[in-house]
Amino acid sequence: MGCRGGRPDTTMRAMTTTHPIWTAHYPVNTLVLDHRKRLGLVGLLQILQDVAWLHARHLGHGYEAMMDRGTLWVLARFQLAILGPRPTWGQDVTVRTWVRPPAGPIALRDYEILAEDGAPVAEATAGWLTLDAASRRPRKLALDGDGRFPYRRDGTLTLQPGKLPPRTDLPEVARVAVHNSDLDVNGHVNNTHYARWILDTLPLAEIEAHRLVRYEINFLAESALGDTVIVERGPMDAVTGAGAVDAVDVQVQGRRASDGAVLFVARLGAERR
C-alpha cells in the first residue's frame, strides 16, 4: 500500500479503537532527507511526531480533544535506536506504533520503523506528559476510564527512556534565538527543532565519519518565543565494552540564557563508518 500525494497512508491499520497497533506508511521524500539523500534524523522525528498525532486523535486524545479538557501533551523523554540502513529518496517506510500499559506518570509510546522489504530500520520509545494548558503544570490523565483503552500488553519494546543528568563542565558551542518558525501548536519550541540545534553543534566531517546509532533526549523545561538558548556540547567519548567497535558517545544540552535553566539534555551514540 503506497502513499497518496506525499501524505501518510493509514489504510492498513485496524479501523477500530480496540486494536492496539496503528500502522502508517510514509514516503522518503525531499521533506525528510538529510544531505546524503537518506532519511535524516530530523525527518524521522517529524514522521514519528506525525504518526503519534494521528493515532492519538484516532483514540480520542488528539490535540482538539485535549484542548477541550484544558490539557495538552508534551514530549518529556525520547529514545531512538537505529538498527539498519536508513532508506533513501524515493522509498517508503512503514511505522507501527502503540501505547504501553501505564506504569507511572509518563505515558510511553513505542514505534517500529520498517523499510519497504520489512527490514527493521529503527525503533523508538517516547515518554509523554499531560500538562494543564493554562498553568503548564503536570496533570493526571485517565486514558483508560472505561477499561477499554487499547494498550499493547505484549510485544512492547525493551527501550526505556531514563533520566539524563545535566553536566556542569560542558563548554558553550552556540547560542540560538527562538523564532516564530521554531514554535509548534503548543506555543513552545517543537521537539524536532532541538534535534536540529544538536546536529548543528557537530562538525560535518564528524557527521560524515560516523553512523548515528542512538539518539536520546530529556526535555526539562519549555522554550518560548524570544528565548535565547545556550547550547553546550561535550567531547566525543570512546565507548568501551562488549560490542563497542569504534563507538563514541557525546552529550549536548541547552540552557535558557536569561535564567540558566536547563531546557534539554541529549546523548548521541555513533559508530565510525
Protein backbone atom coordinates (compact mmCIF):
# COMPACT_ATOMS: atom_id res chain seq x y z
CA MET A 1 0.00 0.00 0.00
CA GLY A 2 1.63 3.22 -1.10
CA CYS A 3 1.43 6.88 -0.16
CA ARG A 4 -1.00 9.35 -1.61
CA GLY A 5 0.18 12.80 -2.58
CA GLY A 6 3.03 12.71 -0.08
CA ARG A 7 0.65 12.13 2.85
CA PRO A 8 0.79 9.09 5.14
CA ASP A 9 -1.34 6.13 4.13
CA THR A 10 -3.05 4.62 7.16
CA THR A 11 -5.42 2.30 5.32
CA MET A 12 -3.71 -0.89 6.50
CA ARG A 13 -4.36 -0.22 10.18
CA ALA A 14 -7.31 -1.68 12.02
CA MET A 15 -10.24 0.73 11.70
CA THR A 16 -11.42 0.43 15.32
CA THR A 17 -10.10 1.96 18.51
CA THR A 18 -9.85 -1.51 20.09
CA HIS A 19 -6.80 -2.54 18.07
CA PRO A 20 -3.58 -1.52 19.86
CA ILE A 21 -1.27 -1.14 16.85
CA TRP A 22 -1.55 1.78 14.44
CA THR A 23 0.24 1.43 11.09
CA ALA A 24 1.10 4.20 8.65
CA HIS A 25 3.24 4.46 5.51
CA TYR A 26 5.35 7.49 4.68
CA PRO A 27 7.39 8.46 1.61
CA VAL A 28 11.07 9.26 1.96
CA ASN A 29 10.85 12.49 0.01
CA THR A 30 12.69 15.80 -0.02
CA LEU A 31 10.90 16.92 3.16
CA VAL A 32 12.67 14.32 5.31
CA LEU A 33 16.07 13.84 3.62
CA ASP A 34 19.49 14.62 5.05
CA HIS A 35 22.43 15.87 2.98
CA ARG A 36 23.30 12.28 1.97
CA LYS A 37 19.86 11.75 0.36
CA ARG A 38 18.75 9.42 3.16
CA LEU A 39 16.01 9.62 5.75
CA GLY A 40 17.56 12.08 8.20
CA LEU A 41 17.27 12.19 11.97
CA VAL A 42 15.12 15.32 11.92
CA GLY A 43 12.94 13.92 9.15
CA LEU A 44 12.42 10.67 11.04
CA LEU A 45 11.47 12.58 14.20
CA GLN A 46 8.94 14.58 12.19
CA ILE A 47 7.38 11.36 10.91
CA LEU A 48 7.17 9.88 14.41
CA GLN A 49 5.61 13.08 15.73
CA ASP A 50 3.02 12.98 12.95
CA VAL A 51 2.08 9.34 13.47
CA ALA A 52 1.69 9.90 17.22
CA TRP A 53 -0.61 12.87 16.49
CA LEU A 54 -2.75 10.77 14.12
CA HIS A 55 -3.01 7.79 16.47
CA ALA A 56 -3.82 9.96 19.50
CA ARG A 57 -6.60 11.68 17.56
CA HIS A 58 -7.99 8.30 16.47
CA LEU A 59 -8.06 7.20 20.12
CA GLY A 60 -9.93 10.32 21.24
CA HIS A 61 -6.92 12.02 22.82
CA GLY A 62 -5.77 14.27 19.98
CA TYR A 63 -4.99 17.97 20.12
CA GLU A 64 -8.57 19.21 19.87
CA ALA A 65 -9.91 16.75 22.46
CA MET A 66 -7.09 17.59 24.85
CA MET A 67 -7.68 21.33 24.50
CA ASP A 68 -11.38 20.78 25.20
CA ARG A 69 -10.24 19.28 28.52
CA GLY A 70 -7.82 22.14 29.17
CA THR A 71 -4.81 19.87 28.73
CA LEU A 72 -2.01 19.25 26.27
CA TRP A 73 0.55 16.57 25.50
CA VAL A 74 4.26 17.37 25.82
CA LEU A 75 7.19 15.12 25.00
CA ALA A 76 9.26 14.55 28.13
CA ARG A 77 11.70 11.79 27.12
CA PHE A 78 12.64 10.07 23.90
CA GLN A 79 14.99 7.26 22.94
CA LEU A 80 15.79 6.08 19.41
CA ALA A 81 17.89 3.09 18.32
CA ILE A 82 18.86 2.87 14.65
CA LEU A 83 19.05 -0.79 13.67
CA GLY A 84 19.70 -0.86 9.94
CA PRO A 85 20.44 1.20 6.84
CA ARG A 86 18.33 4.31 6.51
CA PRO A 87 16.01 4.37 3.48
CA THR A 88 16.87 6.70 0.63
CA TRP A 89 14.92 9.11 -1.55
CA GLY A 90 12.01 7.50 -3.40
CA GLN A 91 11.49 4.66 -0.96
CA ASP A 92 8.76 4.30 1.65
CA VAL A 93 8.86 3.48 5.35
CA THR A 94 6.24 1.80 7.48
CA VAL A 95 5.71 2.97 11.06
CA ARG A 96 3.93 0.82 13.64
CA THR A 97 3.10 2.45 16.95
CA TRP A 98 1.24 1.59 20.14
CA VAL A 99 0.83 2.75 23.74
CA ARG A 100 2.24 0.69 26.61
CA PRO A 101 0.16 -0.07 29.71
CA PRO A 102 0.60 2.71 32.31
CA ALA A 103 3.44 2.31 34.79
CA GLY A 104 3.83 5.86 36.14
CA PRO A 105 3.07 9.49 35.33
CA ILE A 106 4.69 9.31 31.88
CA ALA A 107 2.73 7.62 29.08
CA LEU A 108 5.09 5.51 26.96
CA ARG A 109 4.57 5.09 23.22
CA ASP A 110 6.63 2.62 21.16
CA TYR A 111 7.47 2.87 17.47
CA GLU A 112 8.83 0.37 14.94
CA ILE A 113 10.18 1.79 11.68
CA LEU A 114 10.45 -0.69 8.80
CA ALA A 115 11.92 -0.49 5.30
CA GLU A 116 9.95 -1.39 2.17
CA ASP A 117 11.11 -5.01 2.42
CA GLY A 118 10.11 -5.23 6.09
CA ALA A 119 13.66 -4.98 7.41
CA PRO A 120 13.96 -3.03 10.68
CA VAL A 121 15.28 0.50 10.28
CA ALA A 122 14.85 1.79 13.83
CA GLU A 123 12.80 1.54 16.99
CA ALA A 124 11.94 4.24 19.48
CA THR A 125 10.09 4.94 22.69
CA ALA A 126 8.63 8.31 23.63
CA GLY A 127 7.51 9.40 27.07
CA TRP A 128 4.62 11.88 27.08
CA LEU A 129 3.35 14.04 29.93
CA THR A 130 -0.04 15.70 30.25
CA LEU A 131 0.10 19.37 31.26
CA ASP A 132 -2.63 21.77 32.29
CA ALA A 133 -2.88 24.11 29.30
CA ALA A 134 -3.13 27.22 31.49
CA SER A 135 -0.75 26.52 34.38
CA ARG A 136 1.68 24.29 32.43
CA ARG A 137 1.77 22.01 35.48
CA PRO A 138 1.57 18.19 35.17
CA ARG A 139 -1.92 16.82 35.28
CA LYS A 140 -3.11 13.24 35.54
CA LEU A 141 -4.99 11.97 32.51
CA ALA A 142 -7.05 8.78 32.78
CA LEU A 143 -6.74 7.21 29.32
CA ASP A 144 -8.48 4.04 30.43
CA GLY A 145 -11.54 5.38 32.21
CA ASP A 146 -13.84 2.71 30.79
CA GLY A 147 -11.29 -0.13 30.87
CA ARG A 148 -11.24 -0.41 27.08
CA PHE A 149 -8.23 1.69 26.08
CA PRO A 150 -6.20 -0.41 23.59
CA TYR A 151 -2.85 -0.69 25.32
CA ARG A 152 -0.47 -3.20 23.81
CA ARG A 153 0.24 -5.67 26.59
CA ASP A 154 2.67 -7.97 24.77
CA GLY A 155 5.45 -7.34 22.29
CA THR A 156 6.41 -3.95 23.66
CA LEU A 157 9.95 -2.72 23.11
CA THR A 158 12.77 -3.03 25.63
CA LEU A 159 13.74 0.64 25.27
CA GLN A 160 13.26 2.60 28.47
CA PRO A 161 13.99 6.33 28.23
CA GLY A 162 15.59 7.32 31.52
CA LYS A 163 16.84 10.45 33.20
CA LEU A 164 19.87 12.11 31.62
CA PRO A 165 21.67 14.21 34.24
CA PRO A 166 22.87 17.64 33.11
CA ARG A 167 26.59 18.31 33.35
CA THR A 168 28.24 21.46 34.66
CA ASP A 169 31.53 21.10 32.79
CA LEU A 170 30.41 21.38 29.17
CA PRO A 171 31.59 24.35 27.10
CA GLU A 172 29.24 26.62 25.22
CA VAL A 173 29.31 25.95 21.48
CA ALA A 174 26.38 28.01 20.20
CA ARG A 175 23.61 30.44 21.08
CA VAL A 176 20.27 30.02 19.37
CA ALA A 177 17.46 32.57 19.35
CA VAL A 178 13.93 31.15 19.34
CA HIS A 179 11.98 32.46 16.36
CA ASN A 180 8.39 32.17 15.16
CA SER A 181 9.24 29.23 12.92
CA ASP A 182 10.52 27.19 15.90
CA LEU A 183 7.12 27.08 17.61
CA ASP A 184 4.56 24.30 17.48
CA VAL A 185 0.82 24.35 18.23
CA ASN A 186 1.53 24.39 21.98
CA GLY A 187 3.41 27.68 21.65
CA HIS A 188 6.84 26.31 22.53
CA VAL A 189 9.82 25.04 20.54
CA ASN A 190 8.95 21.90 18.61
CA ASN A 191 10.91 18.84 19.74
CA THR A 192 12.34 18.26 16.27
CA HIS A 193 13.99 21.69 16.29
CA TYR A 194 16.10 20.70 19.28
CA ALA A 195 17.48 17.87 17.15
CA ARG A 196 18.46 20.44 14.51
CA TRP A 197 20.29 22.50 17.11
CA ILE A 198 22.04 19.39 18.41
CA LEU A 199 23.20 18.25 14.97
CA ASP A 200 24.39 21.77 14.17
CA THR A 201 26.92 21.55 17.03
CA LEU A 202 28.76 18.70 15.27
CA PRO A 203 31.35 19.36 12.56
CA LEU A 204 30.23 17.98 9.21
CA ALA A 205 33.46 15.97 9.00
CA GLU A 206 32.48 14.12 12.19
CA ILE A 207 28.96 13.51 10.90
CA GLU A 208 30.41 12.11 7.68
CA ALA A 209 32.86 9.89 9.58
CA HIS A 210 30.29 8.33 11.91
CA ARG A 211 26.99 6.47 11.65
CA LEU A 212 24.37 7.55 14.17
CA VAL A 213 23.05 4.55 16.11
CA ARG A 214 21.36 6.14 19.13
CA TYR A 215 19.61 9.40 19.99
CA GLU A 216 18.19 10.09 23.43
CA ILE A 217 16.82 13.32 24.88
CA ASN A 218 15.12 14.64 28.01
CA PHE A 219 13.02 17.81 27.82
CA LEU A 220 13.20 19.51 31.21
CA ALA A 221 11.56 22.89 30.57
CA GLU A 222 9.77 24.71 27.77
CA SER A 223 11.49 27.20 25.49
CA ALA A 224 9.37 30.03 24.14
CA LEU A 225 9.50 32.83 21.60
CA GLY A 226 12.17 35.38 22.48
CA ASP A 227 14.32 32.98 24.48
CA THR A 228 18.00 32.60 23.73
CA VAL A 229 19.28 29.07 24.26
CA ILE A 230 22.90 28.40 25.18
CA VAL A 231 23.89 25.08 23.61
CA GLU A 232 26.71 23.15 25.31
CA ARG A 233 28.49 20.06 23.97
CA GLY A 234 30.95 17.62 25.42
CA PRO A 235 33.71 15.68 23.68
CA MET A 236 33.16 12.51 21.67
CA ASP A 237 33.90 9.95 24.35
CA ALA A 238 35.02 6.49 23.29
CA VAL A 239 32.59 3.75 24.31
CA THR A 240 34.09 0.59 25.75
CA GLY A 241 32.58 -2.79 26.50
CA ALA A 242 31.11 -5.72 24.63
CA GLY A 243 30.10 -4.93 21.08
CA ALA A 244 31.59 -1.41 21.14
CA VAL A 245 33.69 -1.14 17.99
CA ASP A 246 34.92 2.37 17.20
CA ALA A 247 31.88 3.68 19.08
CA VAL A 248 31.56 7.17 20.52
CA ASP A 249 29.09 8.97 22.74
CA VAL A 250 28.52 12.72 23.05
CA GLN A 251 26.32 14.81 25.35
CA VAL A 252 24.63 18.02 24.21
CA GLN A 253 22.46 20.19 26.43
CA GLY A 254 20.76 23.56 26.34
CA ARG A 255 20.22 26.29 28.94
CA ARG A 256 17.99 29.35 28.83
CA ALA A 257 20.30 32.36 28.76
CA SER A 258 18.03 34.54 30.90
CA ASP A 259 17.98 32.30 33.98
CA GLY A 260 20.33 29.37 33.31
CA ALA A 261 17.52 26.80 33.46
CA VAL A 262 18.39 23.53 31.72
CA LEU A 263 15.92 23.01 28.88
CA PHE A 264 17.13 19.73 27.43
CA VAL A 265 19.81 17.09 27.82
CA ALA A 266 20.64 14.78 24.92
CA ARG A 267 23.08 11.98 24.18
CA LEU A 268 24.07 10.71 20.76
CA GLY A 269 25.77 7.39 20.10
CA ALA A 270 27.63 6.70 16.87
CA GLU A 271 30.00 4.23 15.25
CA ARG A 272 32.81 5.02 12.85
CA ARG A 273 31.94 4.20 9.26
